[in-house]
Amino acid sequence: MFETRDIPTPDHLDEAFAAVVALRRLSGRLERSAVDHALEQGWTWNQIGQALGLTAQAAHKRLSPTRRAPLTATKAV
């Protein structure tokens, strides 16, 4: 998917942190898209949670289309 030679080094911290932020945003969009498609296909929250390494309750709380926060409000870990 990507080449490790393209990963910013610690010598370029601004680039490294920008890459981290971009990856977090991309992973959030990918996760939401996968959840939305899974729900459309009839997956249960238990199945979604298992696929993501979460409990059904945690997956629903964080990713339910009616409950989730906007992507711009995603908190850093």
C-alpha atoms as a PDB file:
ATOM      1  CA  MET A   1       0.000   0.000   0.000  1.00  0.00           C
ATOM      2  CA  PHE A   2       2.778   2.419   0.789  1.00  0.00           C
ATOM      3  CA  GLU A   3       6.526   2.413   0.709  1.00  0.00           C
ATOM      4  CA  THR A   4       8.386   2.778   3.995  1.00  0.00           C
ATOM      5  CA  ARG A   5      10.850   5.056   2.232  1.00  0.00           C
ATOM      6  CA  ASP A   6       8.004   7.598   1.989  1.00  0.00           C
ATOM      7  CA  ILE A   7       7.502   7.753   5.761  1.00  0.00           C
ATOM      8  CA  PRO A   8       8.813  11.043   7.167  1.00  0.00           C
ATOM      9  CA  THR A   9      11.802  10.652   9.458  1.00  0.00           C
ATOM     10  CA  PRO A  10      12.206  12.199  12.912  1.00  0.00           C
ATOM     11  CA  ASP A  11      14.477  14.731  11.223  1.00  0.00           C
ATOM     12  CA  HIS A  12      11.344  16.190   9.607  1.00  0.00           C
ATOM     13  CA  LEU A  13       8.962  16.414  12.551  1.00  0.00           C
ATOM     14  CA  ASP A  14       6.508  18.803  10.892  1.00  0.00           C
ATOM     15  CA  GLU A  15       6.078  16.355   8.034  1.00  0.00           C
ATOM     16  CA  ALA A  16       5.831  13.391  10.392  1.00  0.00           C
ATOM     17  CA  PHE A  17       3.079  14.985  12.474  1.00  0.00           C
ATOM     18  CA  ALA A  18       1.218  16.141   9.369  1.00  0.00           C
ATOM     19  CA  ALA A  19       1.324  12.551   8.111  1.00  0.00           C
ATOM     20  CA  VAL A  20      -0.036  11.274  11.439  1.00  0.00           C
ATOM     21  CA  VAL A  21      -2.956  13.709  11.286  1.00  0.00           C
ATOM     22  CA  ALA A  22      -3.696  12.794   7.666  1.00  0.00           C
ATOM     23  CA  LEU A  23      -3.642   9.070   8.487  1.00  0.00           C
ATOM     24  CA  ARG A  24      -5.991   9.547  11.446  1.00  0.00           C
ATOM     25  CA  ARG A  25      -8.471  11.401   9.249  1.00  0.00           C
ATOM     26  CA  LEU A  26      -8.218   8.789   6.512  1.00  0.00           C
ATOM     27  CA  SER A  27      -8.642   5.901   8.949  1.00  0.00           C
ATOM     28  CA  GLY A  28     -11.689   7.605  10.469  1.00  0.00           C
ATOM     29  CA  ARG A  29     -13.318   7.983   7.068  1.00  0.00           C
ATOM     30  CA  LEU A  30     -12.478   4.402   6.134  1.00  0.00           C
ATOM     31  CA  GLU A  31     -13.859   3.078   9.428  1.00  0.00           C
ATOM     32  CA  ARG A  32     -17.108   5.041   9.059  1.00  0.00           C
ATOM     33  CA  SER A  33     -17.541   3.929   5.476  1.00  0.00           C
ATOM     34  CA  ALA A  34     -16.971   0.285   6.403  1.00  0.00           C
ATOM     35  CA  VAL A  35     -19.461   0.542   9.279  1.00  0.00           C
ATOM     36  CA  ASP A  36     -22.073   2.219   7.091  1.00  0.00           C
ATOM     37  CA  HIS A  37     -21.704  -0.487   4.446  1.00  0.00           C
ATOM     38  CA  ALA A  38     -21.792  -3.258   7.054  1.00  0.00           C
ATOM     39  CA  LEU A  39     -25.019  -1.860   8.498  1.00  0.00           C
ATOM     40  CA  GLU A  40     -26.515  -1.634   4.990  1.00  0.00           C
ATOM     41  CA  GLN A  41     -25.633  -5.309   4.510  1.00  0.00           C
ATOM     42  CA  GLY A  42     -27.337  -6.296   7.746  1.00  0.00           C
ATOM     43  CA  TRP A  43     -24.364  -6.724  10.046  1.00  0.00           C
ATOM     44  CA  THR A  44     -25.085  -6.517  13.750  1.00  0.00           C
ATOM     45  CA  TRP A  45     -23.231  -4.279  16.149  1.00  0.00           C
ATOM     46  CA  ASN A  46     -21.780  -7.427  17.665  1.00  0.00           C
ATOM     47  CA  GLN A  47     -20.273  -8.413  14.290  1.00  0.00           C
ATOM     48  CA  ILE A  48     -18.969  -4.891  13.677  1.00  0.00           C
ATOM     49  CA  GLY A  49     -17.488  -4.732  17.165  1.00  0.00           C
ATOM     50  CA  GLN A  50     -15.770  -8.090  16.745  1.00  0.00           C
ATOM     51  CA  ALA A  51     -14.308  -7.022  13.400  1.00  0.00           C
ATOM     52  CA  LEU A  52     -12.897  -3.871  15.023  1.00  0.00           C
ATOM     53  CA  GLY A  53     -11.762  -5.473  18.274  1.00  0.00           C
ATOM     54  CA  LEU A  54     -14.478  -3.718  20.285  1.00  0.00           C
ATOM     55  CA  THR A  55     -17.558  -4.720  22.189  1.00  0.00           C
ATOM     56  CA  ALA A  56     -20.871  -4.233  20.435  1.00  0.00           C
ATOM     57  CA  GLN A  57     -21.719  -1.471  22.891  1.00  0.00           C
ATOM     58  CA  ALA A  58     -18.439   0.389  22.334  1.00  0.00           C
ATOM     59  CA  ALA A  59     -18.755   0.107  18.549  1.00  0.00           C
ATOM     60  CA  HIS A  60     -22.320   1.405  18.631  1.00  0.00           C
ATOM     61  CA  LYS A  61     -21.508   4.245  20.988  1.00  0.00           C
ATOM     62  CA  ARG A  62     -18.596   5.452  18.883  1.00  0.00           C
ATOM     63  CA  LEU A  63     -19.720   4.645  15.361  1.00  0.00           C
ATOM     64  CA  SER A  64     -23.507   4.687  15.192  1.00  0.00           C
ATOM     65  CA  PRO A  65     -24.466   7.134  12.424  1.00  0.00           C
ATOM     66  CA  THR A  66     -26.948   8.812  14.767  1.00  0.00           C
ATOM     67  CA  ARG A  67     -24.457   9.182  17.637  1.00  0.00           C
ATOM     68  CA  ARG A  68     -21.021   9.762  16.177  1.00  0.00           C
ATOM     69  CA  ALA A  69     -19.203  13.062  16.294  1.00  0.00           C
ATOM     70  CA  PRO A  70     -18.217  14.841  13.092  1.00  0.00           C
ATOM     71  CA  LEU A  71     -14.823  13.800  11.720  1.00  0.00           C
ATOM     72  CA  THR A  72     -13.438  17.281  12.315  1.00  0.00           C
ATOM     73  CA  ALA A  73     -14.071  16.791  16.032  1.00  0.00           C
ATOM     74  CA  THR A  74     -12.053  13.551  16.213  1.00  0.00           C
ATOM     75  CA  LYS A  75      -9.832  13.655  19.265  1.00  0.00           C
ATOM     76  CA  ALA A  76      -6.176  12.765  19.211  1.00  0.00           C
ATOM     77  CA  VAL A  77      -5.238   9.711  21.219  1.00  0.00           C
END
